[in-house]
């Protein structure tokens, strides 16, 4: 899983624990461990949800200031409206090597 450079430190610090992705097909799996910069994350859960269901808490967990910032970041793969289905991916920093 890739993260924008400005988000990587937050991911590795454990401050960012959720990501929303507009993928045509799933690219990670629950329990999978993925390299991020100098560390790893492990996927806890994956849900396919309408973008309109993103909560304020998940906006903060994704490292964004507001829902529109999250929408713009996730929209690199195409436009996102409130009915657009996106993957909600919850993860944690994996401490084992």
Protein backbone atom coordinates (compact mmCIF):
# COMPACT_ATOMS: atom_id res chain seq x y z
CA UNK A 1 0.00 0.00 0.00
CA UNK A 2 1.34 3.41 -0.93
CA UNK A 3 0.90 6.61 1.08
CA UNK A 4 1.65 10.18 0.10
CA UNK A 5 5.02 11.36 1.45
CA UNK A 6 3.38 13.82 3.85
CA UNK A 7 1.34 11.00 5.45
CA UNK A 8 4.08 8.39 5.91
CA UNK A 9 5.42 9.69 9.24
CA UNK A 10 1.88 9.68 10.69
CA UNK A 11 1.32 6.14 9.45
CA UNK A 12 4.59 4.89 10.96
CA UNK A 13 3.90 6.73 14.24
CA UNK A 14 0.52 4.97 14.49
CA UNK A 15 -1.41 8.25 14.27
CA UNK A 16 -2.96 7.35 10.91
CA UNK A 17 -4.86 4.06 11.09
CA UNK A 18 -7.46 4.28 8.32
CA UNK A 19 -7.23 4.81 4.58
CA UNK A 20 -9.95 5.22 1.96
CA UNK A 21 -9.17 3.96 -1.54
CA UNK A 22 -10.98 4.18 -4.85
CA UNK A 23 -9.80 0.92 -6.39
CA UNK A 24 -11.36 -1.10 -9.19
CA UNK A 25 -10.30 -4.22 -7.32
CA UNK A 26 -8.97 -4.90 -3.85
CA UNK A 27 -5.18 -4.65 -3.63
CA UNK A 28 -4.56 -5.73 -0.03
CA UNK A 29 -5.92 -8.46 2.25
CA UNK A 30 -6.87 -8.67 5.92
CA UNK A 31 -3.86 -9.87 7.89
CA UNK A 32 -1.50 -8.82 5.10
CA UNK A 33 1.69 -7.03 6.08
CA UNK A 34 2.94 -4.25 3.79
CA UNK A 35 6.15 -2.22 3.75
CA UNK A 36 5.74 1.50 4.33
CA UNK A 37 8.94 3.51 4.22
CA UNK A 38 11.08 2.19 7.07
CA UNK A 39 8.37 0.03 8.63
CA UNK A 40 5.34 -2.16 8.07
CA UNK A 41 1.59 -1.99 8.50
CA UNK A 42 -0.81 -4.89 8.97
CA UNK A 43 -4.37 -4.76 7.63
CA UNK A 44 -7.07 -5.21 10.29
CA UNK A 45 -10.23 -4.84 8.22
CA UNK A 46 -11.50 -3.92 4.78
CA UNK A 47 -15.00 -2.67 4.03
CA UNK A 48 -16.54 -1.42 0.79
CA UNK A 49 -18.65 1.61 1.76
CA UNK A 50 -20.26 4.68 0.16
CA UNK A 51 -18.02 7.71 0.59
CA UNK A 52 -20.91 9.55 2.24
CA UNK A 53 -20.63 7.26 5.29
CA UNK A 54 -17.11 8.50 6.19
CA UNK A 55 -17.25 9.68 9.81
CA UNK A 56 -15.48 12.67 11.34
CA UNK A 57 -13.46 10.20 13.44
CA UNK A 58 -12.28 8.37 10.31
CA UNK A 59 -11.34 11.68 8.69
CA UNK A 60 -9.00 12.29 11.66
CA UNK A 61 -7.76 8.67 11.59
CA UNK A 62 -6.89 9.11 7.90
CA UNK A 63 -4.69 12.13 8.64
CA UNK A 64 -6.92 14.62 6.83
CA UNK A 65 -8.32 17.90 8.12
CA UNK A 66 -11.81 17.43 6.69
CA UNK A 67 -13.93 15.17 4.50
CA UNK A 68 -13.30 17.26 1.37
CA UNK A 69 -9.53 16.91 1.79
CA UNK A 70 -9.99 13.15 2.09
CA UNK A 71 -12.25 13.15 -0.97
CA UNK A 72 -9.63 15.04 -3.03
CA UNK A 73 -6.83 12.70 -1.96
CA UNK A 74 -8.84 9.54 -2.71
CA UNK A 75 -10.09 10.95 -6.04
CA UNK A 76 -6.72 10.54 -7.78
CA UNK A 77 -8.27 7.43 -9.38
CA UNK A 78 -11.50 9.18 -10.45
CA UNK A 79 -14.28 11.44 -9.19
CA UNK A 80 -15.90 10.64 -5.86
CA UNK A 81 -19.39 11.67 -4.81
CA UNK A 82 -21.21 10.58 -1.65
CA UNK A 83 -22.58 7.46 -3.37
CA UNK A 84 -19.22 6.32 -4.77
CA UNK A 85 -18.13 3.02 -3.24
CA UNK A 86 -14.65 3.17 -1.70
CA UNK A 87 -12.58 0.73 0.32
CA UNK A 88 -12.21 1.63 4.01
CA UNK A 89 -8.98 -0.01 5.14
CA UNK A 90 -8.13 -0.11 8.86
CA UNK A 91 -4.56 -1.00 9.81
CA UNK A 92 -1.94 -0.78 12.53
CA UNK A 93 1.83 -0.49 12.57
CA UNK A 94 3.35 -3.95 12.66
CA UNK A 95 6.13 -4.06 15.22
CA UNK A 96 7.47 -7.51 14.31
CA UNK A 97 10.15 -7.91 11.70
